[in-house]
Amino acid sequence: MTNNRQIQEKIVKEVVKRVLALEEQPYVPIGVSNRHIHLKQDDLDVLFGKGYQLTKWKDLKQPGQFAAKETVSIIGKKGELERVRILGPVRNITQVEVSMTDSFKIGVPAPVKESGKIEGTPGVRLKGPCGEVEMTEGVIVALRHIHVPPQFAEKFQLKDKDLVDVELGGERKTIFKNVLIRISDKYVLEMHLDTDEANAAGVKNGDLGLIQKRLRC
């Protein structure tokens, strides 16, 4: 019994040691973001009916954000993406976020952009159960970024709009450069990659990345 207790205590101490070591380095959990849509209320009304309200399917990690039960089709020049999830709540602008692979499939040259920076971006047609919306702009491949709470930013000397390098381990060890830092007291720490980026690095939701280098814009 004594030997078993000693082994258990040793394991617990080692786990605690590793957890404390993680806290002393700028590790960030990964969230893999599939294609999705943010809608303004006017477009939601056209697609689903006047005054329509999104139905929450599940909460996302960022406070107040959720995946809705509702989906729409994205129609481009060469193809269509069906059952694309809408994320809530509604926003001030309609924005479609896809991967590079998605953009090739539908024939829309989506640029890499920070979320919300849609000026000069291409549009697509959205099809819902009650109507269609012809977007003139708003299709992007989201710039990889990290949601950072102020306490973490202060501890590791990160500034809003910094660009950093993040190392991801595993069999396909990868260093992602030009990762945008976004700081808010409304955020939970999380790095967002799209499916192309995550597959290339062989990472999944919950894996950890290490912020290596900070570059001021």
N, C-alpha and C. Protein backbone atom coordinates (compact mmCIF):
# COMPACT_ATOMS: atom_id res chain seq x y z
N MET A 1 0.82 -1.21 0.00
CA MET A 1 0.00 0.00 0.00
C MET A 1 0.86 1.26 0.00
N THR A 2 1.94 1.20 0.77
CA THR A 2 2.82 2.36 0.86
C THR A 2 3.42 2.69 -0.50
N ASN A 3 3.87 1.65 -1.19
CA ASN A 3 4.47 1.86 -2.51
C ASN A 3 3.46 2.45 -3.49
N ASN A 4 2.22 1.96 -3.44
CA ASN A 4 1.18 2.49 -4.32
C ASN A 4 0.90 3.96 -4.03
N ARG A 5 0.86 4.30 -2.73
CA ARG A 5 0.62 5.69 -2.35
C ARG A 5 1.77 6.58 -2.83
N GLN A 6 2.97 6.11 -2.70
CA GLN A 6 4.13 6.88 -3.14
C GLN A 6 4.10 7.10 -4.65
N ILE A 7 3.71 6.06 -5.39
CA ILE A 7 3.61 6.18 -6.85
C ILE A 7 2.54 7.19 -7.23
N GLN A 8 1.38 7.12 -6.54
CA GLN A 8 0.30 8.06 -6.82
C GLN A 8 0.72 9.49 -6.53
N GLU A 9 1.40 9.71 -5.40
CA GLU A 9 1.86 11.05 -5.04
C GLU A 9 2.86 11.57 -6.07
N LYS A 10 3.71 10.69 -6.55
CA LYS A 10 4.70 11.08 -7.55
C LYS A 10 4.02 11.51 -8.85
N ILE A 11 2.98 10.75 -9.25
CA ILE A 11 2.24 11.08 -10.47
C ILE A 11 1.55 12.42 -10.32
N VAL A 12 0.90 12.64 -9.16
CA VAL A 12 0.20 13.91 -8.92
C VAL A 12 1.17 15.08 -8.97
N LYS A 13 2.31 14.94 -8.34
CA LYS A 13 3.31 16.01 -8.34
C LYS A 13 3.80 16.31 -9.75
N GLU A 14 3.97 15.27 -10.55
CA GLU A 14 4.44 15.46 -11.92
C GLU A 14 3.39 16.19 -12.75
N VAL A 15 2.11 15.82 -12.56
CA VAL A 15 1.03 16.49 -13.28
C VAL A 15 0.96 17.96 -12.90
N VAL A 16 1.02 18.24 -11.60
CA VAL A 16 0.98 19.62 -11.13
C VAL A 16 2.16 20.41 -11.69
N LYS A 17 3.33 19.80 -11.71
CA LYS A 17 4.53 20.44 -12.24
C LYS A 17 4.34 20.83 -13.70
N ARG A 18 3.76 19.91 -14.47
CA ARG A 18 3.56 20.18 -15.90
C ARG A 18 2.51 21.27 -16.12
N VAL A 19 1.45 21.25 -15.30
CA VAL A 19 0.42 22.28 -15.43
C VAL A 19 0.99 23.65 -15.12
N LEU A 20 1.78 23.75 -14.05
CA LEU A 20 2.40 25.03 -13.69
C LEU A 20 3.36 25.50 -14.78
N ALA A 21 4.07 24.56 -15.39
CA ALA A 21 4.99 24.91 -16.48
C ALA A 21 4.24 25.48 -17.67
N LEU A 22 3.08 24.90 -17.97
CA LEU A 22 2.26 25.41 -19.07
C LEU A 22 1.79 26.83 -18.79
N GLU A 23 1.44 27.10 -17.54
CA GLU A 23 0.94 28.42 -17.18
C GLU A 23 2.02 29.49 -17.29
N GLU A 24 3.28 29.09 -17.23
CA GLU A 24 4.37 30.05 -17.30
C GLU A 24 4.86 30.29 -18.71
N GLN A 25 4.23 29.68 -19.68
CA GLN A 25 4.55 29.91 -21.08
C GLN A 25 3.27 30.27 -21.83
N PRO A 26 3.41 31.04 -22.92
CA PRO A 26 2.21 31.50 -23.63
C PRO A 26 1.59 30.43 -24.54
N TYR A 27 1.04 29.40 -23.92
CA TYR A 27 0.32 28.38 -24.66
C TYR A 27 -1.11 28.84 -24.92
N VAL A 28 -1.64 28.47 -26.08
CA VAL A 28 -2.99 28.87 -26.45
C VAL A 28 -3.73 27.66 -27.03
N PRO A 29 -4.96 27.40 -26.58
CA PRO A 29 -5.74 26.29 -27.15
C PRO A 29 -6.23 26.63 -28.56
N ILE A 30 -6.33 25.61 -29.38
CA ILE A 30 -6.72 25.78 -30.78
C ILE A 30 -8.21 25.51 -30.95
N GLY A 31 -8.87 26.36 -31.75
CA GLY A 31 -10.24 26.13 -32.17
C GLY A 31 -10.27 26.09 -33.69
N VAL A 32 -10.73 24.97 -34.24
CA VAL A 32 -10.79 24.81 -35.70
C VAL A 32 -12.13 25.32 -36.19
N SER A 33 -12.08 26.29 -37.10
CA SER A 33 -13.29 26.96 -37.57
C SER A 33 -13.66 26.47 -38.97
N ASN A 34 -14.81 25.82 -39.07
CA ASN A 34 -15.32 25.39 -40.36
C ASN A 34 -15.98 26.57 -41.06
N ARG A 35 -16.31 26.40 -42.34
CA ARG A 35 -17.02 27.46 -43.07
C ARG A 35 -18.29 27.87 -42.32
N HIS A 36 -18.58 29.17 -42.32
CA HIS A 36 -19.76 29.65 -41.62
C HIS A 36 -20.15 31.03 -42.12
N ILE A 37 -21.29 31.50 -41.64
CA ILE A 37 -21.84 32.79 -42.09
C ILE A 37 -22.28 33.61 -40.89
N HIS A 38 -21.99 34.91 -40.94
CA HIS A 38 -22.56 35.89 -40.02
C HIS A 38 -23.56 36.71 -40.82
N LEU A 39 -24.75 36.91 -40.29
CA LEU A 39 -25.80 37.62 -41.03
C LEU A 39 -26.25 38.88 -40.31
N LYS A 40 -26.55 39.92 -41.07
CA LYS A 40 -27.27 41.06 -40.52
C LYS A 40 -28.76 40.75 -40.59
N GLN A 41 -29.55 41.45 -39.79
CA GLN A 41 -30.96 41.11 -39.65
C GLN A 41 -31.72 41.23 -40.96
N ASP A 42 -31.41 42.24 -41.78
CA ASP A 42 -32.12 42.42 -43.05
C ASP A 42 -31.97 41.20 -43.95
N ASP A 43 -30.76 40.64 -44.00
CA ASP A 43 -30.53 39.45 -44.84
C ASP A 43 -31.17 38.21 -44.21
N LEU A 44 -31.15 38.14 -42.89
CA LEU A 44 -31.82 37.02 -42.22
C LEU A 44 -33.31 37.03 -42.52
N ASP A 45 -33.91 38.24 -42.57
CA ASP A 45 -35.33 38.37 -42.89
C ASP A 45 -35.65 37.85 -44.28
N VAL A 46 -34.77 38.15 -45.24
CA VAL A 46 -34.99 37.71 -46.62
C VAL A 46 -34.88 36.19 -46.72
N LEU A 47 -33.89 35.63 -46.05
CA LEU A 47 -33.61 34.20 -46.16
C LEU A 47 -34.61 33.33 -45.40
N PHE A 48 -35.11 33.84 -44.25
CA PHE A 48 -35.95 33.00 -43.39
C PHE A 48 -37.32 33.60 -43.06
N GLY A 49 -37.56 34.84 -43.46
CA GLY A 49 -38.85 35.46 -43.17
C GLY A 49 -38.71 36.67 -42.26
N LYS A 50 -39.59 37.63 -42.43
CA LYS A 50 -39.55 38.89 -41.70
C LYS A 50 -39.57 38.66 -40.19
N GLY A 51 -38.60 39.30 -39.52
CA GLY A 51 -38.53 39.23 -38.07
C GLY A 51 -38.00 37.92 -37.52
N TYR A 52 -37.39 37.11 -38.38
CA TYR A 52 -36.92 35.78 -37.95
C TYR A 52 -35.81 35.90 -36.90
N GLN A 53 -35.83 35.00 -35.93
CA GLN A 53 -34.80 34.94 -34.89
C GLN A 53 -34.06 33.60 -34.99
N LEU A 54 -32.75 33.66 -34.89
CA LEU A 54 -31.95 32.44 -34.96
C LEU A 54 -32.22 31.53 -33.77
N THR A 55 -32.15 30.23 -34.02
CA THR A 55 -32.37 29.23 -32.98
C THR A 55 -31.02 28.67 -32.55
N LYS A 56 -30.69 28.82 -31.26
CA LYS A 56 -29.40 28.35 -30.78
C LYS A 56 -29.32 26.83 -30.84
N TRP A 57 -28.23 26.34 -31.44
CA TRP A 57 -27.94 24.90 -31.48
C TRP A 57 -26.96 24.54 -30.38
N LYS A 58 -25.84 25.28 -30.34
CA LYS A 58 -24.88 25.08 -29.25
C LYS A 58 -24.05 26.34 -29.05
N ASP A 59 -23.61 26.56 -27.82
CA ASP A 59 -22.75 27.70 -27.51
C ASP A 59 -21.35 27.47 -28.06
N LEU A 60 -20.71 28.56 -28.47
CA LEU A 60 -19.31 28.51 -28.86
C LEU A 60 -18.46 28.93 -27.67
N LYS A 61 -17.17 28.80 -27.80
CA LYS A 61 -16.29 29.08 -26.67
C LYS A 61 -16.29 30.56 -26.32
N GLN A 62 -16.38 31.44 -27.34
CA GLN A 62 -16.39 32.86 -27.06
C GLN A 62 -17.74 33.25 -26.46
N PRO A 63 -17.73 33.96 -25.33
CA PRO A 63 -18.98 34.29 -24.63
C PRO A 63 -19.99 35.00 -25.53
N GLY A 64 -21.24 34.53 -25.48
CA GLY A 64 -22.32 35.15 -26.23
C GLY A 64 -22.43 34.68 -27.67
N GLN A 65 -21.45 33.94 -28.16
CA GLN A 65 -21.47 33.44 -29.52
C GLN A 65 -22.07 32.03 -29.56
N PHE A 66 -22.81 31.73 -30.61
CA PHE A 66 -23.40 30.40 -30.71
C PHE A 66 -23.55 29.96 -32.16
N ALA A 67 -23.57 28.66 -32.35
CA ALA A 67 -23.90 28.07 -33.65
C ALA A 67 -25.41 27.89 -33.70
N ALA A 68 -26.03 28.39 -34.75
CA ALA A 68 -27.48 28.29 -34.90
C ALA A 68 -27.87 26.98 -35.58
N LYS A 69 -29.11 26.58 -35.39
CA LYS A 69 -29.62 25.41 -36.08
C LYS A 69 -29.77 25.68 -37.58
N GLU A 70 -29.98 26.95 -37.93
CA GLU A 70 -30.25 27.32 -39.32
C GLU A 70 -28.99 27.25 -40.19
N THR A 71 -29.18 26.81 -41.41
CA THR A 71 -28.11 26.77 -42.40
C THR A 71 -28.63 27.36 -43.72
N VAL A 72 -27.71 27.75 -44.58
CA VAL A 72 -28.06 28.24 -45.91
C VAL A 72 -27.09 27.64 -46.92
N SER A 73 -27.38 27.84 -48.18
CA SER A 73 -26.47 27.43 -49.25
C SER A 73 -25.71 28.64 -49.77
N ILE A 74 -24.43 28.44 -50.07
CA ILE A 74 -23.60 29.47 -50.67
C ILE A 74 -23.38 29.10 -52.13
N ILE A 75 -23.75 29.98 -53.04
CA ILE A 75 -23.68 29.68 -54.47
C ILE A 75 -22.70 30.64 -55.15
N GLY A 76 -21.65 30.06 -55.74
CA GLY A 76 -20.67 30.87 -56.46
C GLY A 76 -20.74 30.62 -57.95
N LYS A 77 -19.74 31.06 -58.67
CA LYS A 77 -19.72 30.95 -60.13
C LYS A 77 -19.56 29.51 -60.60
N LYS A 78 -18.88 28.69 -59.82
CA LYS A 78 -18.58 27.33 -60.27
C LYS A 78 -19.22 26.23 -59.43
N GLY A 79 -19.81 26.58 -58.32
CA GLY A 79 -20.34 25.52 -57.47
C GLY A 79 -21.12 26.05 -56.29
N GLU A 80 -21.51 25.12 -55.41
CA GLU A 80 -22.38 25.45 -54.28
C GLU A 80 -21.92 24.69 -53.04
N LEU A 81 -21.98 25.38 -51.91
CA LEU A 81 -21.74 24.78 -50.61
C LEU A 81 -23.07 24.73 -49.87
N GLU A 82 -23.53 23.53 -49.56
CA GLU A 82 -24.84 23.38 -48.94
C GLU A 82 -24.72 23.27 -47.42
N ARG A 83 -25.82 23.61 -46.75
CA ARG A 83 -25.95 23.48 -45.30
C ARG A 83 -24.78 24.14 -44.55
N VAL A 84 -24.52 25.38 -44.90
CA VAL A 84 -23.46 26.14 -44.22
C VAL A 84 -24.06 26.79 -42.98
N ARG A 85 -23.42 26.55 -41.85
CA ARG A 85 -23.95 26.96 -40.55
C ARG A 85 -23.93 28.49 -40.38
N ILE A 86 -24.99 29.03 -39.80
CA ILE A 86 -25.04 30.43 -39.41
C ILE A 86 -24.60 30.53 -37.96
N LEU A 87 -23.76 31.53 -37.67
CA LEU A 87 -23.35 31.79 -36.30
C LEU A 87 -24.06 33.04 -35.78
N GLY A 88 -24.50 32.98 -34.56
CA GLY A 88 -25.19 34.09 -33.96
C GLY A 88 -24.38 34.72 -32.84
N PRO A 89 -24.83 35.87 -32.37
CA PRO A 89 -26.06 36.57 -32.77
C PRO A 89 -25.88 37.32 -34.09
N VAL A 90 -26.94 37.98 -34.55
CA VAL A 90 -26.85 38.75 -35.79
C VAL A 90 -25.83 39.86 -35.64
N ARG A 91 -25.27 40.28 -36.76
CA ARG A 91 -24.23 41.31 -36.77
C ARG A 91 -24.66 42.51 -37.61
N ASN A 92 -23.77 43.49 -37.67
CA ASN A 92 -24.07 44.70 -38.45
C ASN A 92 -23.83 44.48 -39.94
N ILE A 93 -23.02 43.49 -40.28
CA ILE A 93 -22.75 43.19 -41.68
C ILE A 93 -22.89 41.69 -41.89
N THR A 94 -23.15 41.31 -43.14
CA THR A 94 -23.16 39.89 -43.52
C THR A 94 -21.78 39.51 -44.03
N GLN A 95 -21.24 38.44 -43.49
CA GLN A 95 -19.89 38.00 -43.85
C GLN A 95 -19.86 36.48 -43.97
N VAL A 96 -19.26 36.00 -45.04
CA VAL A 96 -19.09 34.57 -45.27
C VAL A 96 -17.61 34.23 -45.09
N GLU A 97 -17.33 33.24 -44.22
CA GLU A 97 -15.95 32.82 -43.99
C GLU A 97 -15.78 31.39 -44.50
N VAL A 98 -14.87 31.22 -45.44
CA VAL A 98 -14.62 29.92 -46.06
C VAL A 98 -13.12 29.63 -46.03
N SER A 99 -12.76 28.41 -46.36
CA SER A 99 -11.35 28.06 -46.53
C SER A 99 -10.95 28.32 -47.98
N MET A 100 -9.65 28.26 -48.24
CA MET A 100 -9.18 28.39 -49.61
C MET A 100 -9.75 27.27 -50.48
N THR A 101 -9.81 26.06 -49.96
CA THR A 101 -10.38 24.94 -50.70
C THR A 101 -11.83 25.22 -51.08
N ASP A 102 -12.61 25.76 -50.14
CA ASP A 102 -14.00 26.12 -50.42
C ASP A 102 -14.08 27.16 -51.53
N SER A 103 -13.20 28.16 -51.46
CA SER A 103 -13.25 29.24 -52.45
C SER A 103 -12.95 28.72 -53.85
N PHE A 104 -12.03 27.75 -53.96
CA PHE A 104 -11.75 27.15 -55.27
C PHE A 104 -12.98 26.39 -55.77
N LYS A 105 -13.64 25.68 -54.87
CA LYS A 105 -14.78 24.86 -55.25
C LYS A 105 -15.91 25.69 -55.84
N ILE A 106 -16.19 26.84 -55.26
CA ILE A 106 -17.31 27.66 -55.73
C ILE A 106 -16.88 28.72 -56.74
N GLY A 107 -15.58 28.81 -57.01
CA GLY A 107 -15.10 29.76 -58.02
C GLY A 107 -15.13 31.20 -57.59
N VAL A 108 -14.90 31.44 -56.31
CA VAL A 108 -14.88 32.80 -55.77
C VAL A 108 -13.51 33.05 -55.13
N PRO A 109 -12.73 34.00 -55.66
CA PRO A 109 -11.37 34.22 -55.15
C PRO A 109 -11.38 34.98 -53.83
N ALA A 110 -11.70 34.30 -52.75
CA ALA A 110 -11.79 34.95 -51.45
C ALA A 110 -10.41 35.33 -50.92
N PRO A 111 -10.20 36.59 -50.55
CA PRO A 111 -8.91 37.00 -50.02
C PRO A 111 -8.79 36.70 -48.53
N VAL A 112 -7.56 36.64 -48.04
CA VAL A 112 -7.32 36.50 -46.60
C VAL A 112 -7.49 37.86 -45.97
N LYS A 113 -8.45 37.94 -45.04
CA LYS A 113 -8.79 39.23 -44.43
C LYS A 113 -9.11 39.04 -42.95
N GLU A 114 -8.87 40.10 -42.19
CA GLU A 114 -9.34 40.13 -40.81
C GLU A 114 -10.86 40.22 -40.81
N SER A 115 -11.48 39.51 -39.88
CA SER A 115 -12.94 39.54 -39.79
C SER A 115 -13.45 40.97 -39.68
N GLY A 116 -14.47 41.28 -40.47
CA GLY A 116 -15.05 42.61 -40.48
C GLY A 116 -14.47 43.54 -41.53
N LYS A 117 -13.32 43.17 -42.10
CA LYS A 117 -12.68 44.00 -43.13
C LYS A 117 -13.07 43.47 -44.50
N ILE A 118 -14.27 43.81 -44.95
CA ILE A 118 -14.80 43.20 -46.16
C ILE A 118 -14.77 44.12 -47.38
N GLU A 119 -14.29 45.34 -47.23
CA GLU A 119 -14.25 46.25 -48.37
C GLU A 119 -13.41 45.67 -49.50
N GLY A 120 -13.97 45.64 -50.70
CA GLY A 120 -13.25 45.14 -51.87
C GLY A 120 -13.25 43.64 -52.01
N THR A 121 -13.96 42.93 -51.14
CA THR A 121 -14.01 41.47 -51.23
C THR A 121 -15.13 41.04 -52.17
N PRO A 122 -15.07 39.82 -52.70
CA PRO A 122 -16.13 39.37 -53.61
C PRO A 122 -17.41 38.99 -52.87
N GLY A 123 -18.47 38.80 -53.66
CA GLY A 123 -19.75 38.38 -53.10
C GLY A 123 -20.15 37.01 -53.61
N VAL A 124 -21.24 36.50 -53.05
CA VAL A 124 -21.83 35.24 -53.48
C VAL A 124 -23.35 35.37 -53.34
N ARG A 125 -24.05 34.32 -53.76
CA ARG A 125 -25.50 34.27 -53.56
C ARG A 125 -25.80 33.33 -52.41
N LEU A 126 -26.64 33.79 -51.49
CA LEU A 126 -27.07 32.97 -50.36
C LEU A 126 -28.50 32.53 -50.60
N LYS A 127 -28.75 31.25 -50.35
CA LYS A 127 -30.09 30.71 -50.57
C LYS A 127 -30.62 30.10 -49.28
N GLY A 128 -31.79 30.63 -48.85
CA GLY A 128 -32.45 30.11 -47.67
C GLY A 128 -33.82 29.56 -48.02
N PRO A 129 -34.57 29.13 -47.03
CA PRO A 129 -35.88 28.53 -47.31
C PRO A 129 -36.93 29.51 -47.81
N CYS A 130 -36.72 30.82 -47.56
CA CYS A 130 -37.74 31.81 -47.93
C CYS A 130 -37.27 32.80 -48.99
N GLY A 131 -36.02 32.75 -49.38
CA GLY A 131 -35.54 33.71 -50.37
C GLY A 131 -34.05 33.62 -50.57
N GLU A 132 -33.55 34.52 -51.41
CA GLU A 132 -32.13 34.56 -51.73
C GLU A 132 -31.58 35.97 -51.54
N VAL A 133 -30.31 36.04 -51.18
CA VAL A 133 -29.60 37.31 -51.02
C VAL A 133 -28.39 37.31 -51.95
N GLU A 134 -28.27 38.35 -52.75
CA GLU A 134 -27.13 38.51 -53.65
C GLU A 134 -26.14 39.45 -52.98
N MET A 135 -25.07 38.88 -52.44
CA MET A 135 -24.05 39.69 -51.77
C MET A 135 -23.13 40.33 -52.80
N THR A 136 -22.84 41.61 -52.63
CA THR A 136 -21.90 42.28 -53.51
C THR A 136 -20.47 42.23 -52.96
N GLU A 137 -20.35 41.94 -51.66
CA GLU A 137 -19.05 41.78 -51.01
C GLU A 137 -19.25 41.01 -49.71
N GLY A 138 -18.13 40.56 -49.12
CA GLY A 138 -18.25 39.93 -47.82
C GLY A 138 -17.73 38.51 -47.70
N VAL A 139 -17.12 37.96 -48.77
CA VAL A 139 -16.58 36.60 -48.70
C VAL A 139 -15.08 36.67 -48.42
N ILE A 140 -14.65 36.04 -47.32
CA ILE A 140 -13.24 36.10 -46.95
C ILE A 140 -12.74 34.72 -46.51
N VAL A 141 -11.43 34.57 -46.56
CA VAL A 141 -10.73 33.52 -45.81
C VAL A 141 -10.18 34.24 -44.59
N ALA A 142 -10.65 33.86 -43.41
CA ALA A 142 -10.32 34.62 -42.20
C ALA A 142 -8.83 34.54 -41.88
N LEU A 143 -8.23 35.69 -41.62
CA LEU A 143 -6.85 35.75 -41.16
C LEU A 143 -6.75 35.01 -39.83
N ARG A 144 -5.81 34.07 -39.73
CA ARG A 144 -5.68 33.34 -38.47
C ARG A 144 -5.40 34.33 -37.33
N HIS A 145 -6.02 34.05 -36.20
CA HIS A 145 -5.98 35.03 -35.12
C HIS A 145 -6.15 34.35 -33.77
N ILE A 146 -5.84 35.11 -32.71
CA ILE A 146 -5.99 34.62 -31.34
C ILE A 146 -6.87 35.59 -30.56
N HIS A 147 -7.93 35.07 -29.95
CA HIS A 147 -8.74 35.84 -29.01
C HIS A 147 -8.01 35.84 -27.67
N VAL A 148 -7.68 37.02 -27.16
CA VAL A 148 -6.84 37.11 -25.97
C VAL A 148 -7.52 37.97 -24.90
N PRO A 149 -7.72 37.44 -23.69
CA PRO A 149 -8.20 38.27 -22.58
C PRO A 149 -7.08 39.17 -22.07
N PRO A 150 -7.41 40.31 -21.49
CA PRO A 150 -6.38 41.29 -21.08
C PRO A 150 -5.34 40.72 -20.11
N GLN A 151 -5.74 39.84 -19.18
CA GLN A 151 -4.79 39.32 -18.20
C GLN A 151 -3.67 38.53 -18.87
N PHE A 152 -4.04 37.71 -19.85
CA PHE A 152 -3.05 36.93 -20.59
C PHE A 152 -2.15 37.86 -21.39
N ALA A 153 -2.75 38.87 -22.02
CA ALA A 153 -1.97 39.82 -22.82
C ALA A 153 -0.95 40.56 -21.97
N GLU A 154 -1.37 40.97 -20.79
CA GLU A 154 -0.45 41.69 -19.89
C GLU A 154 0.68 40.79 -19.42
N LYS A 155 0.34 39.56 -19.06
CA LYS A 155 1.34 38.62 -18.54
C LYS A 155 2.43 38.35 -19.56
N PHE A 156 2.04 38.23 -20.84
CA PHE A 156 3.01 37.86 -21.87
C PHE A 156 3.32 39.00 -22.83
N GLN A 157 2.99 40.24 -22.40
CA GLN A 157 3.37 41.46 -23.12
C GLN A 157 2.90 41.45 -24.58
N LEU A 158 1.63 41.13 -24.76
CA LEU A 158 1.01 41.15 -26.07
C LEU A 158 0.18 42.41 -26.22
N LYS A 159 0.17 42.97 -27.41
CA LYS A 159 -0.60 44.17 -27.70
C LYS A 159 -1.65 43.86 -28.78
N ASP A 160 -2.77 44.55 -28.71
CA ASP A 160 -3.80 44.38 -29.73
C ASP A 160 -3.24 44.70 -31.10
N LYS A 161 -3.53 43.84 -32.07
CA LYS A 161 -3.07 43.95 -33.46
C LYS A 161 -1.63 43.50 -33.66
N ASP A 162 -0.98 43.01 -32.60
CA ASP A 162 0.33 42.38 -32.80
C ASP A 162 0.18 41.21 -33.77
N LEU A 163 1.27 40.90 -34.48
CA LEU A 163 1.35 39.68 -35.27
C LEU A 163 2.40 38.78 -34.63
N VAL A 164 2.03 37.53 -34.37
CA VAL A 164 2.93 36.62 -33.67
C VAL A 164 3.12 35.34 -34.47
N ASP A 165 4.14 34.57 -34.09
CA ASP A 165 4.34 33.22 -34.61
C ASP A 165 3.84 32.23 -33.57
N VAL A 166 3.19 31.17 -34.02
CA VAL A 166 2.69 30.15 -33.11
C VAL A 166 3.17 28.78 -33.58
N GLU A 167 3.81 28.06 -32.68
CA GLU A 167 4.31 26.71 -32.99
C GLU A 167 3.30 25.67 -32.54
N LEU A 168 3.00 24.74 -33.44
CA LEU A 168 2.11 23.61 -33.15
C LEU A 168 2.92 22.34 -33.28
N GLY A 169 2.85 21.48 -32.25
CA GLY A 169 3.66 20.27 -32.23
C GLY A 169 2.97 19.11 -32.93
N GLY A 170 3.41 17.91 -32.59
CA GLY A 170 2.84 16.71 -33.19
C GLY A 170 3.66 16.21 -34.35
N GLU A 171 3.11 15.22 -35.06
CA GLU A 171 3.82 14.59 -36.17
C GLU A 171 4.06 15.57 -37.32
N ARG A 172 3.16 16.56 -37.47
CA ARG A 172 3.31 17.53 -38.57
C ARG A 172 3.62 18.90 -37.99
N LYS A 173 4.64 18.95 -37.16
CA LYS A 173 5.02 20.18 -36.47
C LYS A 173 5.07 21.36 -37.44
N THR A 174 4.38 22.43 -37.05
CA THR A 174 4.21 23.58 -37.93
C THR A 174 4.37 24.87 -37.15
N ILE A 175 4.93 25.88 -37.78
CA ILE A 175 4.95 27.23 -37.21
C ILE A 175 4.11 28.13 -38.10
N PHE A 176 3.02 28.64 -37.55
CA PHE A 176 2.18 29.59 -38.27
C PHE A 176 2.67 31.00 -37.98
N LYS A 177 2.95 31.74 -39.02
CA LYS A 177 3.38 33.12 -38.89
C LYS A 177 2.22 34.07 -39.15
N ASN A 178 2.41 35.33 -38.77
CA ASN A 178 1.41 36.38 -39.01
C ASN A 178 0.05 36.01 -38.41
N VAL A 179 0.07 35.62 -37.15
CA VAL A 179 -1.16 35.33 -36.42
C VAL A 179 -1.56 36.60 -35.67
N LEU A 180 -2.76 37.10 -35.94
CA LEU A 180 -3.21 38.37 -35.40
C LEU A 180 -3.67 38.22 -33.94
N ILE A 181 -3.21 39.13 -33.10
CA ILE A 181 -3.66 39.20 -31.71
C ILE A 181 -4.85 40.15 -31.61
N ARG A 182 -5.94 39.66 -31.02
CA ARG A 182 -7.13 40.48 -30.78
C ARG A 182 -7.46 40.41 -29.29
N ILE A 183 -7.44 41.56 -28.63
CA ILE A 183 -7.58 41.60 -27.17
C ILE A 183 -8.92 42.23 -26.78
N SER A 184 -9.61 41.56 -25.87
CA SER A 184 -10.86 42.10 -25.34
C SER A 184 -11.19 41.40 -24.02
N ASP A 185 -11.82 42.14 -23.10
CA ASP A 185 -12.24 41.51 -21.85
C ASP A 185 -13.46 40.61 -22.05
N LYS A 186 -13.97 40.57 -23.28
CA LYS A 186 -15.08 39.68 -23.62
C LYS A 186 -14.60 38.35 -24.20
N TYR A 187 -13.29 38.21 -24.36
CA TYR A 187 -12.75 37.02 -25.01
C TYR A 187 -12.31 35.95 -24.01
N VAL A 188 -12.40 34.71 -24.46
CA VAL A 188 -11.75 33.56 -23.82
C VAL A 188 -10.57 33.18 -24.71
N LEU A 189 -9.43 32.85 -24.11
CA LEU A 189 -8.22 32.56 -24.87
C LEU A 189 -8.44 31.42 -25.86
N GLU A 190 -8.21 31.70 -27.15
CA GLU A 190 -8.40 30.68 -28.18
C GLU A 190 -7.81 31.18 -29.50
N MET A 191 -7.08 30.30 -30.18
CA MET A 191 -6.56 30.59 -31.51
C MET A 191 -7.46 29.94 -32.55
N HIS A 192 -7.87 30.71 -33.55
CA HIS A 192 -8.74 30.19 -34.59
C HIS A 192 -7.96 29.90 -35.87
N LEU A 193 -8.08 28.67 -36.33
CA LEU A 193 -7.55 28.24 -37.62
C LEU A 193 -8.71 27.73 -38.46
N ASP A 194 -8.61 27.87 -39.79
CA ASP A 194 -9.64 27.24 -40.61
C ASP A 194 -9.26 25.78 -40.87
N THR A 195 -10.14 25.06 -41.52
CA THR A 195 -9.94 23.61 -41.69
C THR A 195 -8.72 23.28 -42.54
N ASP A 196 -8.43 24.09 -43.55
CA ASP A 196 -7.23 23.86 -44.36
C ASP A 196 -5.98 23.94 -43.50
N GLU A 197 -5.90 25.00 -42.67
CA GLU A 197 -4.72 25.20 -41.84
C GLU A 197 -4.58 24.08 -40.80
N ALA A 198 -5.69 23.73 -40.17
CA ALA A 198 -5.66 22.68 -39.15
C ALA A 198 -5.26 21.33 -39.75
N ASN A 199 -5.80 21.00 -40.91
CA ASN A 199 -5.47 19.72 -41.55
C ASN A 199 -4.00 19.68 -41.96
N ALA A 200 -3.48 20.80 -42.44
CA ALA A 200 -2.08 20.85 -42.86
C ALA A 200 -1.14 20.60 -41.68
N ALA A 201 -1.54 21.10 -40.51
CA ALA A 201 -0.70 20.96 -39.32
C ALA A 201 -1.04 19.71 -38.51
N GLY A 202 -2.12 19.02 -38.88
CA GLY A 202 -2.52 17.83 -38.15
C GLY A 202 -3.00 18.12 -36.74
N VAL A 203 -3.72 19.25 -36.56
CA VAL A 203 -4.20 19.62 -35.23
C VAL A 203 -5.72 19.56 -35.19
N LYS A 204 -6.24 19.52 -33.96
CA LYS A 204 -7.68 19.44 -33.74
C LYS A 204 -8.07 20.38 -32.61
N ASN A 205 -9.35 20.52 -32.40
CA ASN A 205 -9.85 21.36 -31.31
C ASN A 205 -9.24 20.94 -29.97
N GLY A 206 -8.76 21.94 -29.23
CA GLY A 206 -8.21 21.67 -27.91
C GLY A 206 -6.72 21.45 -27.87
N ASP A 207 -6.08 21.20 -29.02
CA ASP A 207 -4.62 21.11 -29.04
C ASP A 207 -4.03 22.46 -28.64
N LEU A 208 -2.77 22.45 -28.24
CA LEU A 208 -2.12 23.67 -27.77
C LEU A 208 -1.07 24.16 -28.75
N GLY A 209 -1.02 25.47 -28.92
CA GLY A 209 0.03 26.11 -29.68
C GLY A 209 0.86 26.99 -28.75
N LEU A 210 2.11 27.23 -29.10
CA LEU A 210 3.01 28.04 -28.28
C LEU A 210 3.37 29.31 -29.03
N ILE A 211 3.04 30.45 -28.46
CA ILE A 211 3.41 31.74 -29.06
C ILE A 211 4.91 31.90 -28.89
N GLN A 212 5.59 32.06 -30.03
CA GLN A 212 7.05 32.08 -30.00
C GLN A 212 7.66 33.48 -30.10
N LYS A 213 7.12 34.26 -30.99
CA LYS A 213 7.79 35.50 -31.33
C LYS A 213 6.76 36.58 -31.55
N ARG A 214 7.04 37.78 -31.11
CA ARG A 214 6.10 38.88 -31.27
C ARG A 214 6.66 39.91 -32.22
N LEU A 215 5.84 40.31 -33.17
CA LEU A 215 6.23 41.32 -34.15
C LEU A 215 5.20 42.44 -34.10
N ARG A 216 5.61 43.64 -33.83
CA ARG A 216 4.68 44.76 -33.79
C ARG A 216 4.37 45.21 -35.20
N CYS A 217 3.09 45.51 -35.46
CA CYS A 217 2.68 46.00 -36.78
C CYS A 217 3.26 47.39 -37.02
